[in-house]
Amino acid sequence: MQELNLSHVYFGVLAMAISLGLVSLAGKPSLKPSKFQAFWEGYVRFVRGMVLENMGHEGLRYVPLIASIGLFVFFSNLLGMVPGLEAPTGNVNTNLAL
């Protein structure tokens, strides 16, 4: 059996924390949205459109889950671009857990 590689766990938690932080910041609407808020609203609109095209109205309840997994994978892969770090999604166990 393979040893548990803690760096994958730490970077997975870091990517999840970044993703949740951005989602919480984007969830505070205002009358005049900032560029940051407009960007994330566009992301949610994109995911919602993809879900509607592929799953119909029944799939709308899965939009938050799909958007969150997309953010997690995106930031996990960004961590892999930093010299000396490995992407958590480079480990098959992370992918199986998703």
PDB file of N, CA and C in Angstrom:
ATOM      1  N   MET A   1       0.836  -1.177   0.000  1.00  0.00           N
ATOM      2  CA  MET A   1       0.000   0.000   0.000  1.00  0.00           C
ATOM      3  C   MET A   1       0.881   1.242   0.000  1.00  0.00           C
ATOM      4  N   GLN A   2       0.448   2.251  -0.717  1.00  0.00           N
ATOM      5  CA  GLN A   2       1.211   3.486  -0.864  1.00  0.00           C
ATOM      6  C   GLN A   2       1.047   4.372   0.372  1.00  0.00           C
ATOM      7  N   GLU A   3       2.117   5.101   0.727  1.00  0.00           N
ATOM      8  CA  GLU A   3       2.051   6.013   1.865  1.00  0.00           C
ATOM      9  C   GLU A   3       1.191   7.223   1.524  1.00  0.00           C
ATOM     10  N   LEU A   4       0.626   7.819   2.550  1.00  0.00           N
ATOM     11  CA  LEU A   4      -0.160   9.028   2.377  1.00  0.00           C
ATOM     12  C   LEU A   4       0.786  10.202   2.173  1.00  0.00           C
ATOM     13  N   ASN A   5       0.645  10.890   1.068  1.00  0.00           N
ATOM     14  CA  ASN A   5       1.480  12.039   0.763  1.00  0.00           C
ATOM     15  C   ASN A   5       0.770  13.287   1.276  1.00  0.00           C
ATOM     16  N   LEU A   6       1.263  13.857   2.361  1.00  0.00           N
ATOM     17  CA  LEU A   6       0.588  14.987   2.991  1.00  0.00           C
ATOM     18  C   LEU A   6       0.599  16.241   2.130  1.00  0.00           C
ATOM     19  N   SER A   7       1.556  16.375   1.229  1.00  0.00           N
ATOM     20  CA  SER A   7       1.567  17.575   0.387  1.00  0.00           C
ATOM     21  C   SER A   7       0.313  17.629  -0.481  1.00  0.00           C
ATOM     22  N   HIS A   8      -0.171  16.487  -0.953  1.00  0.00           N
ATOM     23  CA  HIS A   8      -1.405  16.475  -1.741  1.00  0.00           C
ATOM     24  C   HIS A   8      -2.589  16.900  -0.882  1.00  0.00           C
ATOM     25  N   VAL A   9      -2.606  16.459   0.347  1.00  0.00           N
ATOM     26  CA  VAL A   9      -3.696  16.830   1.250  1.00  0.00           C
ATOM     27  C   VAL A   9      -3.656  18.328   1.534  1.00  0.00           C
ATOM     28  N   TYR A  10      -2.471  18.864   1.851  1.00  0.00           N
ATOM     29  CA  TYR A  10      -2.346  20.290   2.164  1.00  0.00           C
ATOM     30  C   TYR A  10      -2.740  21.161   0.983  1.00  0.00           C
ATOM     31  N   PHE A  11      -2.275  20.802  -0.203  1.00  0.00           N
ATOM     32  CA  PHE A  11      -2.589  21.617  -1.362  1.00  0.00           C
ATOM     33  C   PHE A  11      -4.044  21.468  -1.776  1.00  0.00           C
ATOM     34  N   GLY A  12      -4.625  20.320  -1.547  1.00  0.00           N
ATOM     35  CA  GLY A  12      -6.054  20.160  -1.799  1.00  0.00           C
ATOM     36  C   GLY A  12      -6.884  21.031  -0.876  1.00  0.00           C
ATOM     37  N   VAL A  13      -6.493  21.082   0.392  1.00  0.00           N
ATOM     38  CA  VAL A  13      -7.190  21.941   1.358  1.00  0.00           C
ATOM     39  C   VAL A  13      -6.987  23.410   0.997  1.00  0.00           C
ATOM     40  N   LEU A  14      -5.778  23.783   0.571  1.00  0.00           N
ATOM     41  CA  LEU A  14      -5.505  25.162   0.174  1.00  0.00           C
ATOM     42  C   LEU A  14      -6.354  25.564  -1.028  1.00  0.00           C
ATOM     43  N   ALA A  15      -6.444  24.707  -2.028  1.00  0.00           N
ATOM     44  CA  ALA A  15      -7.261  25.002  -3.204  1.00  0.00           C
ATOM     45  C   ALA A  15      -8.734  25.115  -2.826  1.00  0.00           C
ATOM     46  N   MET A  16      -9.197  24.263  -1.918  1.00  0.00           N
ATOM     47  CA  MET A  16     -10.580  24.334  -1.476  1.00  0.00           C
ATOM     48  C   MET A  16     -10.839  25.628  -0.712  1.00  0.00           C
ATOM     49  N   ALA A  17      -9.892  26.052   0.134  1.00  0.00           N
ATOM     50  CA  ALA A  17     -10.051  27.288   0.897  1.00  0.00           C
ATOM     51  C   ALA A  17     -10.102  28.496  -0.036  1.00  0.00           C
ATOM     52  N   ILE A  18      -9.242  28.518  -1.042  1.00  0.00           N
ATOM     53  CA  ILE A  18      -9.265  29.616  -2.010  1.00  0.00           C
ATOM     54  C   ILE A  18     -10.594  29.637  -2.750  1.00  0.00           C
ATOM     55  N   SER A  19     -11.052  28.475  -3.176  1.00  0.00           N
ATOM     56  CA  SER A  19     -12.318  28.388  -3.902  1.00  0.00           C
ATOM     57  C   SER A  19     -13.487  28.858  -3.048  1.00  0.00           C
ATOM     58  N   LEU A  20     -13.551  28.402  -1.810  1.00  0.00           N
ATOM     59  CA  LEU A  20     -14.648  28.808  -0.924  1.00  0.00           C
ATOM     60  C   LEU A  20     -14.581  30.293  -0.604  1.00  0.00           C
ATOM     61  N   GLY A  21     -13.380  30.825  -0.440  1.00  0.00           N
ATOM     62  CA  GLY A  21     -13.227  32.259  -0.187  1.00  0.00           C
ATOM     63  C   GLY A  21     -13.736  33.092  -1.347  1.00  0.00           C
ATOM     64  N   LEU A  22     -13.416  32.679  -2.555  1.00  0.00           N
ATOM     65  CA  LEU A  22     -13.884  33.417  -3.724  1.00  0.00           C
ATOM     66  C   LEU A  22     -15.389  33.302  -3.896  1.00  0.00           C
ATOM     67  N   VAL A  23     -15.930  32.133  -3.624  1.00  0.00           N
ATOM     68  CA  VAL A  23     -17.379  31.956  -3.729  1.00  0.00           C
ATOM     69  C   VAL A  23     -18.094  32.826  -2.698  1.00  0.00           C
ATOM     70  N   SER A  24     -17.557  32.908  -1.486  1.00  0.00           N
ATOM     71  CA  SER A  24     -18.200  33.734  -0.461  1.00  0.00           C
ATOM     72  C   SER A  24     -18.104  35.217  -0.806  1.00  0.00           C
ATOM     73  N   LEU A  25     -16.992  35.643  -1.401  1.00  0.00           N
ATOM     74  CA  LEU A  25     -16.872  37.040  -1.815  1.00  0.00           C
ATOM     75  C   LEU A  25     -17.819  37.362  -2.959  1.00  0.00           C
ATOM     76  N   ALA A  26     -17.974  36.431  -3.879  1.00  0.00           N
ATOM     77  CA  ALA A  26     -18.847  36.660  -5.023  1.00  0.00           C
ATOM     78  C   ALA A  26     -20.317  36.586  -4.632  1.00  0.00           C
ATOM     79  N   GLY A  27     -20.630  36.029  -3.487  1.00  0.00           N
ATOM     80  CA  GLY A  27     -22.016  35.871  -3.064  1.00  0.00           C
ATOM     81  C   GLY A  27     -22.605  37.079  -2.359  1.00  0.00           C
ATOM     82  N   LYS A  28     -21.841  38.178  -2.261  1.00  0.00           N
ATOM     83  CA  LYS A  28     -22.338  39.388  -1.609  1.00  0.00           C
ATOM     84  C   LYS A  28     -22.735  40.404  -2.682  1.00  0.00           C
ATOM     85  N   PRO A  29     -23.998  40.388  -3.105  1.00  0.00           N
ATOM     86  CA  PRO A  29     -24.407  41.287  -4.180  1.00  0.00           C
ATOM     87  C   PRO A  29     -24.478  42.743  -3.719  1.00  0.00           C
ATOM     88  N   SER A  30     -24.295  43.639  -4.667  1.00  0.00           N
ATOM     89  CA  SER A  30     -24.441  45.067  -4.392  1.00  0.00           C
ATOM     90  C   SER A  30     -25.152  45.694  -5.583  1.00  0.00           C
ATOM     91  N   LEU A  31     -25.631  46.929  -5.384  1.00  0.00           N
ATOM     92  CA  LEU A  31     -26.346  47.593  -6.470  1.00  0.00           C
ATOM     93  C   LEU A  31     -25.424  47.883  -7.646  1.00  0.00           C
ATOM     94  N   LYS A  32     -24.196  48.294  -7.349  1.00  0.00           N
ATOM     95  CA  LYS A  32     -23.204  48.541  -8.398  1.00  0.00           C
ATOM     96  C   LYS A  32     -22.110  47.486  -8.254  1.00  0.00           C
ATOM     97  N   PRO A  33     -22.182  46.432  -9.048  1.00  0.00           N
ATOM     98  CA  PRO A  33     -21.209  45.348  -8.877  1.00  0.00           C
ATOM     99  C   PRO A  33     -19.796  45.776  -9.268  1.00  0.00           C
ATOM    100  N   SER A  34     -18.837  45.253  -8.523  1.00  0.00           N
ATOM    101  CA  SER A  34     -17.433  45.498  -8.844  1.00  0.00           C
ATOM    102  C   SER A  34     -17.030  44.599 -10.010  1.00  0.00           C
ATOM    103  N   LYS A  35     -15.826  44.822 -10.526  1.00  0.00           N
ATOM    104  CA  LYS A  35     -15.331  43.968 -11.607  1.00  0.00           C
ATOM    105  C   LYS A  35     -15.183  42.532 -11.128  1.00  0.00           C
ATOM    106  N   PHE A  36     -14.771  42.382  -9.879  1.00  0.00           N
ATOM    107  CA  PHE A  36     -14.611  41.056  -9.289  1.00  0.00           C
ATOM    108  C   PHE A  36     -15.949  40.328  -9.264  1.00  0.00           C
ATOM    109  N   GLN A  37     -16.979  41.014  -8.782  1.00  0.00           N
ATOM    110  CA  GLN A  37     -18.302  40.410  -8.701  1.00  0.00           C
ATOM    111  C   GLN A  37     -18.852  40.119 -10.097  1.00  0.00           C
ATOM    112  N   ALA A  38     -18.635  41.024 -11.031  1.00  0.00           N
ATOM    113  CA  ALA A  38     -19.127  40.815 -12.394  1.00  0.00           C
ATOM    114  C   ALA A  38     -18.456  39.603 -13.036  1.00  0.00           C
ATOM    115  N   PHE A  39     -17.164  39.415 -12.766  1.00  0.00           N
ATOM    116  CA  PHE A  39     -16.458  38.252 -13.304  1.00  0.00           C
ATOM    117  C   PHE A  39     -17.066  36.965 -12.786  1.00  0.00           C
ATOM    118  N   TRP A  40     -17.300  36.882 -11.473  1.00  0.00           N
ATOM    119  CA  TRP A  40     -17.822  35.642 -10.892  1.00  0.00           C
ATOM    120  C   TRP A  40     -19.283  35.416 -11.248  1.00  0.00           C
ATOM    121  N   GLU A  41     -20.048  36.487 -11.416  1.00  0.00           N
ATOM    122  CA  GLU A  41     -21.419  36.309 -11.884  1.00  0.00           C
ATOM    123  C   GLU A  41     -21.419  35.755 -13.307  1.00  0.00           C
ATOM    124  N   GLY A  42     -20.464  36.199 -14.112  1.00  0.00           N
ATOM    125  CA  GLY A  42     -20.319  35.646 -15.457  1.00  0.00           C
ATOM    126  C   GLY A  42     -19.965  34.168 -15.425  1.00  0.00           C
ATOM    127  N   TYR A  43     -19.096  33.786 -14.481  1.00  0.00           N
ATOM    128  CA  TYR A  43     -18.728  32.368 -14.332  1.00  0.00           C
ATOM    129  C   TYR A  43     -19.954  31.534 -13.963  1.00  0.00           C
ATOM    130  N   VAL A  44     -20.733  32.013 -13.003  1.00  0.00           N
ATOM    131  CA  VAL A  44     -21.931  31.277 -12.584  1.00  0.00           C
ATOM    132  C   VAL A  44     -22.938  31.224 -13.729  1.00  0.00           C
ATOM    133  N   ARG A  45     -23.076  32.316 -14.464  1.00  0.00           N
ATOM    134  CA  ARG A  45     -23.987  32.333 -15.609  1.00  0.00           C
ATOM    135  C   ARG A  45     -23.532  31.313 -16.667  1.00  0.00           C
ATOM    136  N   PHE A  46     -22.218  31.220 -16.886  1.00  0.00           N
ATOM    137  CA  PHE A  46     -21.677  30.246 -17.840  1.00  0.00           C
ATOM    138  C   PHE A  46     -21.993  28.818 -17.395  1.00  0.00           C
ATOM    139  N   VAL A  47     -21.734  28.506 -16.128  1.00  0.00           N
ATOM    140  CA  VAL A  47     -21.993  27.152 -15.621  1.00  0.00           C
ATOM    141  C   VAL A  47     -23.485  26.847 -15.695  1.00  0.00           C
ATOM    142  N   ARG A  48     -24.297  27.819 -15.336  1.00  0.00           N
ATOM    143  CA  ARG A  48     -25.754  27.624 -15.377  1.00  0.00           C
ATOM    144  C   ARG A  48     -26.220  27.332 -16.805  1.00  0.00           C
ATOM    145  N   GLY A  49     -25.671  28.065 -17.770  1.00  0.00           N
ATOM    146  CA  GLY A  49     -26.021  27.830 -19.169  1.00  0.00           C
ATOM    147  C   GLY A  49     -25.612  26.446 -19.643  1.00  0.00           C
ATOM    148  N   MET A  50     -24.420  26.011 -19.232  1.00  0.00           N
ATOM    149  CA  MET A  50     -23.958  24.671 -19.611  1.00  0.00           C
ATOM    150  C   MET A  50     -24.865  23.595 -19.016  1.00  0.00           C
ATOM    151  N   VAL A  51     -25.270  23.798 -17.763  1.00  0.00           N
ATOM    152  CA  VAL A  51     -26.148  22.822 -17.110  1.00  0.00           C
ATOM    153  C   VAL A  51     -27.508  22.798 -17.798  1.00  0.00           C
ATOM    154  N   LEU A  52     -28.054  23.971 -18.109  1.00  0.00           N
ATOM    155  CA  LEU A  52     -29.354  24.014 -18.782  1.00  0.00           C
ATOM    156  C   LEU A  52     -29.302  23.316 -20.137  1.00  0.00           C
ATOM    157  N   GLU A  53     -28.226  23.533 -20.890  1.00  0.00           N
ATOM    158  CA  GLU A  53     -28.108  22.895 -22.206  1.00  0.00           C
ATOM    159  C   GLU A  53     -28.027  21.379 -22.108  1.00  0.00           C
ATOM    160  N   ASN A  54     -27.306  20.896 -21.117  1.00  0.00           N
ATOM    161  CA  ASN A  54     -27.032  19.461 -21.046  1.00  0.00           C
ATOM    162  C   ASN A  54     -27.993  18.683 -20.160  1.00  0.00           C
ATOM    163  N   MET A  55     -28.523  19.320 -19.112  1.00  0.00           N
ATOM    164  CA  MET A  55     -29.350  18.591 -18.151  1.00  0.00           C
ATOM    165  C   MET A  55     -30.778  19.115 -18.066  1.00  0.00           C
ATOM    166  N   GLY A  56     -31.042  20.258 -18.655  1.00  0.00           N
ATOM    167  CA  GLY A  56     -32.368  20.846 -18.565  1.00  0.00           C
ATOM    168  C   GLY A  56     -32.600  21.497 -17.211  1.00  0.00           C
ATOM    169  N   HIS A  57     -33.847  21.878 -16.957  1.00  0.00           N
ATOM    170  CA  HIS A  57     -34.173  22.577 -15.708  1.00  0.00           C
ATOM    171  C   HIS A  57     -34.000  21.693 -14.478  1.00  0.00           C
ATOM    172  N   GLU A  58     -34.045  20.376 -14.654  1.00  0.00           N
ATOM    173  CA  GLU A  58     -33.854  19.475 -13.514  1.00  0.00           C
ATOM    174  C   GLU A  58     -32.428  19.562 -12.974  1.00  0.00           C
ATOM    175  N   GLY A  59     -31.484  19.972 -13.799  1.00  0.00           N
ATOM    176  CA  GLY A  59     -30.087  20.035 -13.390  1.00  0.00           C
ATOM    177  C   GLY A  59     -29.699  21.311 -12.672  1.00  0.00           C
ATOM    178  N   LEU A  60     -30.605  22.292 -12.597  1.00  0.00           N
ATOM    179  CA  LEU A  60     -30.261  23.568 -11.967  1.00  0.00           C
ATOM    180  C   LEU A  60     -29.882  23.415 -10.498  1.00  0.00           C
ATOM    181  N   ARG A  61     -30.399  22.412  -9.848  1.00  0.00           N
ATOM    182  CA  ARG A  61     -30.058  22.231  -8.432  1.00  0.00           C
ATOM    183  C   ARG A  61     -28.610  21.799  -8.243  1.00  0.00           C
ATOM    184  N   TYR A  62     -27.963  21.348  -9.314  1.00  0.00           N
ATOM    185  CA  TYR A  62     -26.566  20.916  -9.242  1.00  0.00           C
ATOM    186  C   TYR A  62     -25.570  22.017  -9.621  1.00  0.00           C
ATOM    187  N   VAL A  63     -26.051  23.188 -10.000  1.00  0.00           N
ATOM    188  CA  VAL A  63     -25.158  24.277 -10.422  1.00  0.00           C
ATOM    189  C   VAL A  63     -24.142  24.635  -9.344  1.00  0.00           C
ATOM    190  N   PRO A  64     -24.526  24.817  -8.069  1.00  0.00           N
ATOM    191  CA  PRO A  64     -23.500  25.146  -7.062  1.00  0.00           C
ATOM    192  C   PRO A  64     -22.433  24.062  -6.926  1.00  0.00           C
ATOM    193  N   LEU A  65     -22.832  22.804  -6.987  1.00  0.00           N
ATOM    194  CA  LEU A  65     -21.866  21.708  -6.877  1.00  0.00           C
ATOM    195  C   LEU A  65     -20.908  21.699  -8.063  1.00  0.00           C
ATOM    196  N   ILE A  66     -21.446  21.820  -9.265  1.00  0.00           N
ATOM    197  CA  ILE A  66     -20.611  21.792 -10.467  1.00  0.00           C
ATOM    198  C   ILE A  66     -19.677  22.993 -10.502  1.00  0.00           C
ATOM    199  N   ALA A  67     -20.182  24.169 -10.130  1.00  0.00           N
ATOM    200  CA  ALA A  67     -19.341  25.371 -10.111  1.00  0.00           C
ATOM    201  C   ALA A  67     -18.230  25.237  -9.075  1.00  0.00           C
ATOM    202  N   SER A  68     -18.538  24.676  -7.921  1.00  0.00           N
ATOM    203  CA  SER A  68     -17.526  24.496  -6.870  1.00  0.00           C
ATOM    204  C   SER A  68     -16.455  23.500  -7.285  1.00  0.00           C
ATOM    205  N   ILE A  69     -16.854  22.402  -7.887  1.00  0.00           N
ATOM    206  CA  ILE A  69     -15.872  21.418  -8.346  1.00  0.00           C
ATOM    207  C   ILE A  69     -15.000  22.026  -9.442  1.00  0.00           C
ATOM    208  N   GLY A  70     -15.604  22.808 -10.314  1.00  0.00           N
ATOM    209  CA  GLY A  70     -14.827  23.474 -11.360  1.00  0.00           C
ATOM    210  C   GLY A  70     -13.780  24.413 -10.781  1.00  0.00           C
ATOM    211  N   LEU A  71     -14.163  25.189  -9.758  1.00  0.00           N
ATOM    212  CA  LEU A  71     -13.201  26.084  -9.104  1.00  0.00           C
ATOM    213  C   LEU A  71     -12.105  25.302  -8.401  1.00  0.00           C
ATOM    214  N   PHE A  72     -12.472  24.226  -7.739  1.00  0.00           N
ATOM    215  CA  PHE A  72     -11.478  23.414  -7.040  1.00  0.00           C
ATOM    216  C   PHE A  72     -10.448  22.855  -8.015  1.00  0.00           C
ATOM    217  N   VAL A  73     -10.908  22.312  -9.125  1.00  0.00           N
ATOM    218  CA  VAL A  73      -9.993  21.743 -10.117  1.00  0.00           C
ATOM    219  C   VAL A  73      -9.125  22.843 -10.728  1.00  0.00           C
ATOM    220  N   PHE A  74      -9.717  23.995 -11.018  1.00  0.00           N
ATOM    221  CA  PHE A  74      -8.960  25.105 -11.604  1.00  0.00           C
ATOM    222  C   PHE A  74      -7.826  25.551 -10.687  1.00  0.00           C
ATOM    223  N   PHE A  75      -8.137  25.807  -9.414  1.00  0.00           N
ATOM    224  CA  PHE A  75      -7.102  26.284  -8.497  1.00  0.00           C
ATOM    225  C   PHE A  75      -6.115  25.178  -8.128  1.00  0.00           C
ATOM    226  N   SER A  76      -6.552  23.954  -8.126  1.00  0.00           N
ATOM    227  CA  SER A  76      -5.619  22.848  -7.898  1.00  0.00           C
ATOM    228  C   SER A  76      -4.597  22.771  -9.022  1.00  0.00           C
ATOM    229  N   ASN A  77      -5.055  22.941 -10.242  1.00  0.00           N
ATOM    230  CA  ASN A  77      -4.137  22.904 -11.376  1.00  0.00           C
ATOM    231  C   ASN A  77      -3.229  24.128 -11.402  1.00  0.00           C
ATOM    232  N   LEU A  78      -3.720  25.277 -10.935  1.00  0.00           N
ATOM    233  CA  LEU A  78      -2.852  26.458 -10.837  1.00  0.00           C
ATOM    234  C   LEU A  78      -1.720  26.227  -9.847  1.00  0.00           C
ATOM    235  N   LEU A  79      -1.999  25.525  -8.761  1.00  0.00           N
ATOM    236  CA  LEU A  79      -0.947  25.219  -7.790  1.00  0.00           C
ATOM    237  C   LEU A  79       0.158  24.390  -8.429  1.00  0.00           C
ATOM    238  N   GLY A  80      -0.176  23.566  -9.387  1.00  0.00           N
ATOM    239  CA  GLY A  80       0.815  22.748 -10.068  1.00  0.00           C
ATOM    240  C   GLY A  80       1.757  23.560 -10.937  1.00  0.00           C
ATOM    241  N   MET A  81       1.386  24.799 -11.252  1.00  0.00           N
ATOM    242  CA  MET A  81       2.248  25.650 -12.065  1.00  0.00           C
ATOM    243  C   MET A  81       3.306  26.369 -11.234  1.00  0.00           C
ATOM    244  N   VAL A  82       3.171  26.338  -9.914  1.00  0.00           N
ATOM    245  CA  VAL A  82       4.147  26.972  -9.031  1.00  0.00           C
ATOM    246  C   VAL A  82       5.344  26.036  -8.908  1.00  0.00           C
ATOM    247  N   PRO A  83       6.553  26.541  -9.155  1.00  0.00           N
ATOM    248  CA  PRO A  83       7.731  25.665  -9.056  1.00  0.00           C
ATOM    249  C   PRO A  83       7.855  25.043  -7.664  1.00  0.00           C
ATOM    250  N   GLY A  84       8.093  23.758  -7.643  1.00  0.00           N
ATOM    251  CA  GLY A  84       8.255  23.029  -6.388  1.00  0.00           C
ATOM    252  C   GLY A  84       6.972  22.456  -5.828  1.00  0.00           C
ATOM    253  N   LEU A  85       5.835  22.785  -6.418  1.00  0.00           N
ATOM    254  CA  LEU A  85       4.556  22.262  -5.940  1.00  0.00           C
ATOM    255  C   LEU A  85       3.987  21.291  -6.967  1.00  0.00           C
ATOM    256  N   GLU A  86       3.219  20.353  -6.476  1.00  0.00           N
ATOM    257  CA  GLU A  86       2.528  19.414  -7.355  1.00  0.00           C
ATOM    258  C   GLU A  86       1.035  19.714  -7.311  1.00  0.00           C
ATOM    259  N   ALA A  87       0.380  19.519  -8.428  1.00  0.00           N
ATOM    260  CA  ALA A  87      -1.065  19.712  -8.472  1.00  0.00           C
ATOM    261  C   ALA A  87      -1.745  18.559  -7.748  1.00  0.00           C
ATOM    262  N   PRO A  88      -2.661  18.855  -6.819  1.00  0.00           N
ATOM    263  CA  PRO A  88      -3.379  17.771  -6.145  1.00  0.00           C
ATOM    264  C   PRO A  88      -4.156  16.891  -7.118  1.00  0.00           C
ATOM    265  N   THR A  89      -4.589  17.466  -8.229  1.00  0.00           N
ATOM    266  CA  THR A  89      -5.334  16.675  -9.204  1.00  0.00           C
ATOM    267  C   THR A  89      -4.422  15.771 -10.018  1.00  0.00           C
ATOM    268  N   GLY A  90      -3.113  15.877  -9.818  1.00  0.00           N
ATOM    269  CA  GLY A  90      -2.175  14.968 -10.462  1.00  0.00           C
ATOM    270  C   GLY A  90      -2.160  13.597  -9.810  1.00  0.00           C
ATOM    271  N   ASN A  91      -2.769  13.494  -8.651  1.00  0.00           N
ATOM    272  CA  ASN A  91      -2.859  12.228  -7.921  1.00  0.00           C
ATOM    273  C   ASN A  91      -4.228  11.615  -8.199  1.00  0.00           C
ATOM    274  N   VAL A  92      -4.245  10.377  -8.603  1.00  0.00           N
ATOM    275  CA  VAL A  92      -5.496   9.716  -8.960  1.00  0.00           C
ATOM    276  C   VAL A  92      -6.460   9.652  -7.772  1.00  0.00           C
ATOM    277  N   ASN A  93      -5.950   9.641  -6.559  1.00  0.00           N
ATOM    278  CA  ASN A  93      -6.829   9.556  -5.391  1.00  0.00           C
ATOM    279  C   ASN A  93      -7.693  10.804  -5.244  1.00  0.00           C
ATOM    280  N   THR A  94      -7.137  11.968  -5.540  1.00  0.00           N
ATOM    281  CA  THR A  94      -7.931  13.200  -5.498  1.00  0.00           C
ATOM    282  C   THR A  94      -9.031  13.145  -6.546  1.00  0.00           C
ATOM    283  N   ASN A  95      -8.684  12.690  -7.726  1.00  0.00           N
ATOM    284  CA  ASN A  95      -9.675  12.609  -8.800  1.00  0.00           C
ATOM    285  C   ASN A  95     -10.780  11.612  -8.477  1.00  0.00           C
ATOM    286  N   LEU A  96     -10.420  10.497  -7.866  1.00  0.00           N
ATOM    287  CA  LEU A  96     -11.434   9.516  -7.482  1.00  0.00           C
ATOM    288  C   LEU A  96     -12.333  10.054  -6.379  1.00  0.00           C
ATOM    289  N   ALA A  97     -11.783  10.866  -5.488  1.00  0.00           N
ATOM    290  CA  ALA A  97     -12.585  11.436  -4.406  1.00  0.00           C
ATOM    291  C   ALA A  97     -13.617  12.422  -4.938  1.00  0.00           C
ATOM    292  N   LEU A  98     -13.297  13.091  -6.038  1.00  0.00           N
ATOM    293  CA  LEU A  98     -14.255  14.033  -6.617  1.00  0.00           C
ATOM    294  C   LEU A  98     -15.384  13.275  -7.284  1.00  0.00           C
TER     295      LEU A  98
END
